[in-house]
Amino acid sequence: MSSRQDLSIAQHLALRDMASDRNDASAAAELSALVDAVEACRSRLTALAERRNAAVRNSDDDSDSLLVSIYEAERGLSTAIRLLQRAVRTAR
């Protein structure tokens, strides 16, 4: 190969790496935004669970399947947040 072809290949590789870095940065930014959105949903669920728990405490019914379901959803969102945060770290 000539030095001109070598330079073209090197330039191509450098451009590909720069594009990949931009794609990773873009993905990290999008994932960070998703973390924020899921955290907001989890906060809303937490508030709902607290209101529901207060209502259940004031009644004679000790078992509340809705409250259990809300807590399960809250745990699921907590797991999703951890996984998204891991993806953000991987993208950086």
N, C-alpha and C. Protein backbone atom coordinates (compact mmCIF):
# COMPACT_ATOMS: atom_id res chain seq x y z
N MET A 1 0.83 -1.18 0.00
CA MET A 1 0.00 0.00 0.00
C MET A 1 0.88 1.24 0.00
N SER A 2 0.37 2.25 -0.62
CA SER A 2 1.11 3.50 -0.62
C SER A 2 0.82 4.26 0.66
N SER A 3 1.64 5.25 0.92
CA SER A 3 1.42 6.05 2.13
C SER A 3 0.13 6.83 2.03
N ARG A 4 -0.29 7.15 0.80
CA ARG A 4 -1.55 7.87 0.62
C ARG A 4 -2.73 6.97 1.03
N GLN A 5 -2.69 5.70 0.64
CA GLN A 5 -3.74 4.78 1.03
C GLN A 5 -3.71 4.54 2.54
N ASP A 6 -2.52 4.42 3.11
CA ASP A 6 -2.39 4.24 4.55
C ASP A 6 -3.00 5.41 5.30
N LEU A 7 -2.75 6.61 4.82
CA LEU A 7 -3.29 7.80 5.45
C LEU A 7 -4.81 7.80 5.36
N SER A 8 -5.34 7.39 4.22
CA SER A 8 -6.78 7.34 4.05
C SER A 8 -7.40 6.33 5.02
N ILE A 9 -6.77 5.20 5.17
CA ILE A 9 -7.27 4.20 6.10
C ILE A 9 -7.19 4.74 7.53
N ALA A 10 -6.10 5.38 7.89
CA ALA A 10 -5.95 5.96 9.22
C ALA A 10 -7.00 7.04 9.46
N GLN A 11 -7.22 7.87 8.45
CA GLN A 11 -8.24 8.91 8.59
C GLN A 11 -9.62 8.29 8.75
N HIS A 12 -9.89 7.27 7.96
CA HIS A 12 -11.18 6.60 8.05
C HIS A 12 -11.39 6.02 9.44
N LEU A 13 -10.37 5.38 9.97
CA LEU A 13 -10.47 4.80 11.32
C LEU A 13 -10.67 5.88 12.37
N ALA A 14 -9.96 6.99 12.22
CA ALA A 14 -10.10 8.09 13.18
C ALA A 14 -11.51 8.67 13.12
N LEU A 15 -12.04 8.86 11.93
CA LEU A 15 -13.40 9.38 11.79
C LEU A 15 -14.43 8.41 12.37
N ARG A 16 -14.21 7.12 12.14
CA ARG A 16 -15.12 6.12 12.69
C ARG A 16 -15.09 6.16 14.22
N ASP A 17 -13.90 6.29 14.80
CA ASP A 17 -13.78 6.36 16.26
C ASP A 17 -14.46 7.61 16.80
N MET A 18 -14.31 8.73 16.11
CA MET A 18 -14.95 9.98 16.56
C MET A 18 -16.47 9.84 16.48
N ALA A 19 -16.97 9.23 15.41
CA ALA A 19 -18.41 9.02 15.28
C ALA A 19 -18.91 8.11 16.38
N SER A 20 -18.15 7.08 16.69
CA SER A 20 -18.52 6.16 17.75
C SER A 20 -18.56 6.87 19.10
N ASP A 21 -17.58 7.73 19.36
CA ASP A 21 -17.56 8.50 20.60
C ASP A 21 -18.78 9.41 20.70
N ARG A 22 -19.15 10.05 19.58
CA ARG A 22 -20.34 10.92 19.57
C ARG A 22 -21.59 10.10 19.82
N ASN A 23 -21.67 8.91 19.20
CA ASN A 23 -22.83 8.04 19.41
C ASN A 23 -22.91 7.60 20.87
N ASP A 24 -21.77 7.27 21.46
CA ASP A 24 -21.76 6.88 22.87
C ASP A 24 -22.18 8.04 23.76
N ALA A 25 -21.70 9.24 23.46
CA ALA A 25 -22.07 10.41 24.26
C ALA A 25 -23.56 10.69 24.12
N SER A 26 -24.07 10.55 22.92
CA SER A 26 -25.50 10.76 22.70
C SER A 26 -26.32 9.70 23.45
N ALA A 27 -25.88 8.47 23.39
CA ALA A 27 -26.57 7.39 24.11
C ALA A 27 -26.52 7.64 25.62
N ALA A 28 -25.37 8.07 26.12
CA ALA A 28 -25.24 8.35 27.56
C ALA A 28 -26.19 9.46 27.98
N ALA A 29 -26.30 10.49 27.14
CA ALA A 29 -27.21 11.60 27.46
C ALA A 29 -28.66 11.13 27.47
N GLU A 30 -29.02 10.33 26.49
CA GLU A 30 -30.40 9.81 26.42
C GLU A 30 -30.69 8.90 27.60
N LEU A 31 -29.74 8.06 27.93
CA LEU A 31 -29.92 7.16 29.08
C LEU A 31 -30.03 7.94 30.38
N SER A 32 -29.25 9.00 30.52
CA SER A 32 -29.34 9.84 31.72
C SER A 32 -30.72 10.48 31.84
N ALA A 33 -31.25 10.92 30.70
CA ALA A 33 -32.60 11.50 30.70
C ALA A 33 -33.63 10.45 31.10
N LEU A 34 -33.44 9.22 30.65
CA LEU A 34 -34.34 8.14 31.03
C LEU A 34 -34.25 7.84 32.52
N VAL A 35 -33.04 7.89 33.08
CA VAL A 35 -32.88 7.69 34.53
C VAL A 35 -33.71 8.73 35.27
N ASP A 36 -33.62 9.98 34.85
CA ASP A 36 -34.39 11.05 35.49
C ASP A 36 -35.89 10.79 35.40
N ALA A 37 -36.34 10.38 34.23
CA ALA A 37 -37.78 10.13 34.04
C ALA A 37 -38.26 8.96 34.89
N VAL A 38 -37.49 7.90 34.94
CA VAL A 38 -37.89 6.73 35.73
C VAL A 38 -37.84 7.06 37.22
N GLU A 39 -36.85 7.86 37.63
CA GLU A 39 -36.80 8.29 39.04
C GLU A 39 -38.02 9.11 39.40
N ALA A 40 -38.49 9.95 38.48
CA ALA A 40 -39.69 10.75 38.73
C ALA A 40 -40.91 9.83 38.88
N CYS A 41 -41.00 8.81 38.04
CA CYS A 41 -42.10 7.84 38.15
C CYS A 41 -42.03 7.10 39.48
N ARG A 42 -40.83 6.71 39.87
CA ARG A 42 -40.67 6.00 41.15
C ARG A 42 -41.09 6.90 42.32
N SER A 43 -40.75 8.18 42.25
CA SER A 43 -41.15 9.11 43.30
C SER A 43 -42.67 9.24 43.39
N ARG A 44 -43.31 9.28 42.24
CA ARG A 44 -44.78 9.34 42.22
C ARG A 44 -45.37 8.07 42.83
N LEU A 45 -44.80 6.93 42.50
CA LEU A 45 -45.29 5.67 43.08
C LEU A 45 -45.07 5.62 44.58
N THR A 46 -43.93 6.12 45.02
CA THR A 46 -43.64 6.15 46.46
C THR A 46 -44.68 7.00 47.19
N ALA A 47 -44.98 8.15 46.64
CA ALA A 47 -45.99 9.03 47.25
C ALA A 47 -47.36 8.36 47.27
N LEU A 48 -47.69 7.68 46.19
CA LEU A 48 -48.97 6.97 46.12
C LEU A 48 -49.01 5.85 47.17
N ALA A 49 -47.91 5.12 47.29
CA ALA A 49 -47.85 4.04 48.28
C ALA A 49 -47.99 4.59 49.70
N GLU A 50 -47.36 5.73 49.97
CA GLU A 50 -47.47 6.32 51.30
C GLU A 50 -48.90 6.74 51.60
N ARG A 51 -49.57 7.34 50.61
CA ARG A 51 -50.98 7.72 50.82
C ARG A 51 -51.85 6.48 51.02
N ARG A 52 -51.61 5.45 50.22
CA ARG A 52 -52.40 4.23 50.33
C ARG A 52 -52.14 3.53 51.66
N ASN A 53 -50.88 3.52 52.09
CA ASN A 53 -50.53 2.90 53.37
C ASN A 53 -51.22 3.62 54.51
N ALA A 54 -51.27 4.93 54.45
CA ALA A 54 -51.96 5.69 55.50
C ALA A 54 -53.45 5.35 55.51
N ALA A 55 -54.03 5.18 54.35
CA ALA A 55 -55.46 4.84 54.27
C ALA A 55 -55.72 3.45 54.82
N VAL A 56 -54.82 2.52 54.54
CA VAL A 56 -54.98 1.14 55.02
C VAL A 56 -54.84 1.09 56.54
N ARG A 57 -53.90 1.87 57.08
CA ARG A 57 -53.70 1.87 58.54
C ARG A 57 -54.96 2.34 59.26
N ASN A 58 -55.73 3.19 58.60
CA ASN A 58 -56.93 3.72 59.23
C ASN A 58 -58.16 2.84 58.99
N SER A 59 -57.96 1.70 58.36
CA SER A 59 -59.09 0.79 58.13
C SER A 59 -58.83 -0.52 58.89
N ASP A 60 -59.82 -1.38 58.85
CA ASP A 60 -59.70 -2.67 59.54
C ASP A 60 -59.04 -3.73 58.67
N ASP A 61 -58.83 -3.45 57.37
CA ASP A 61 -58.26 -4.43 56.44
C ASP A 61 -56.74 -4.34 56.47
N ASP A 62 -56.09 -5.41 56.97
CA ASP A 62 -54.63 -5.43 57.05
C ASP A 62 -53.97 -5.75 55.71
N SER A 63 -54.67 -6.46 54.85
CA SER A 63 -54.07 -6.85 53.57
C SER A 63 -54.64 -5.95 52.48
N ASP A 64 -53.75 -5.38 51.70
CA ASP A 64 -54.17 -4.50 50.62
C ASP A 64 -53.39 -4.89 49.37
N SER A 65 -54.06 -5.59 48.47
CA SER A 65 -53.37 -6.07 47.27
C SER A 65 -52.92 -4.92 46.37
N LEU A 66 -53.64 -3.81 46.39
CA LEU A 66 -53.21 -2.66 45.60
C LEU A 66 -51.89 -2.11 46.14
N LEU A 67 -51.76 -2.01 47.43
CA LEU A 67 -50.52 -1.52 48.03
C LEU A 67 -49.36 -2.45 47.71
N VAL A 68 -49.60 -3.75 47.78
CA VAL A 68 -48.56 -4.73 47.44
C VAL A 68 -48.13 -4.55 45.99
N SER A 69 -49.09 -4.37 45.11
CA SER A 69 -48.77 -4.17 43.68
C SER A 69 -47.98 -2.89 43.46
N ILE A 70 -48.32 -1.85 44.18
CA ILE A 70 -47.58 -0.58 44.06
C ILE A 70 -46.14 -0.77 44.53
N TYR A 71 -45.96 -1.46 45.65
CA TYR A 71 -44.60 -1.71 46.13
C TYR A 71 -43.79 -2.56 45.14
N GLU A 72 -44.44 -3.52 44.52
CA GLU A 72 -43.75 -4.34 43.52
C GLU A 72 -43.33 -3.49 42.32
N ALA A 73 -44.21 -2.60 41.89
CA ALA A 73 -43.88 -1.72 40.77
C ALA A 73 -42.73 -0.78 41.14
N GLU A 74 -42.76 -0.30 42.38
CA GLU A 74 -41.69 0.58 42.86
C GLU A 74 -40.34 -0.16 42.85
N ARG A 75 -40.33 -1.39 43.30
CA ARG A 75 -39.10 -2.20 43.27
C ARG A 75 -38.63 -2.42 41.83
N GLY A 76 -39.58 -2.66 40.94
CA GLY A 76 -39.23 -2.85 39.53
C GLY A 76 -38.58 -1.60 38.94
N LEU A 77 -39.11 -0.43 39.29
CA LEU A 77 -38.52 0.82 38.81
C LEU A 77 -37.14 1.04 39.42
N SER A 78 -36.96 0.66 40.67
CA SER A 78 -35.64 0.78 41.29
C SER A 78 -34.62 -0.08 40.55
N THR A 79 -35.04 -1.28 40.16
CA THR A 79 -34.17 -2.15 39.38
C THR A 79 -33.87 -1.53 38.02
N ALA A 80 -34.88 -0.98 37.38
CA ALA A 80 -34.69 -0.34 36.07
C ALA A 80 -33.71 0.83 36.18
N ILE A 81 -33.81 1.59 37.25
CA ILE A 81 -32.90 2.73 37.45
C ILE A 81 -31.46 2.24 37.56
N ARG A 82 -31.24 1.20 38.36
CA ARG A 82 -29.88 0.66 38.50
C ARG A 82 -29.34 0.18 37.17
N LEU A 83 -30.16 -0.50 36.38
CA LEU A 83 -29.71 -1.00 35.08
C LEU A 83 -29.42 0.14 34.11
N LEU A 84 -30.26 1.16 34.13
CA LEU A 84 -30.01 2.33 33.27
C LEU A 84 -28.73 3.05 33.68
N GLN A 85 -28.51 3.18 34.99
CA GLN A 85 -27.28 3.83 35.45
C GLN A 85 -26.05 3.04 35.03
N ARG A 86 -26.15 1.72 35.05
CA ARG A 86 -25.04 0.90 34.57
C ARG A 86 -24.80 1.13 33.08
N ALA A 87 -25.88 1.23 32.32
CA ALA A 87 -25.75 1.49 30.88
C ALA A 87 -25.11 2.85 30.62
N VAL A 88 -25.45 3.86 31.45
CA VAL A 88 -24.84 5.19 31.31
C VAL A 88 -23.34 5.07 31.53
N ARG A 89 -22.94 4.37 32.58
CA ARG A 89 -21.50 4.20 32.86
C ARG A 89 -20.79 3.48 31.71
N THR A 90 -21.45 2.52 31.13
CA THR A 90 -20.87 1.77 30.02
C THR A 90 -20.70 2.67 28.78
N ALA A 91 -21.66 3.56 28.57
CA ALA A 91 -21.62 4.44 27.39
C ALA A 91 -20.58 5.55 27.51
N ARG A 92 -20.13 5.82 28.73
CA ARG A 92 -19.16 6.92 28.92
C ARG A 92 -17.77 6.46 28.75
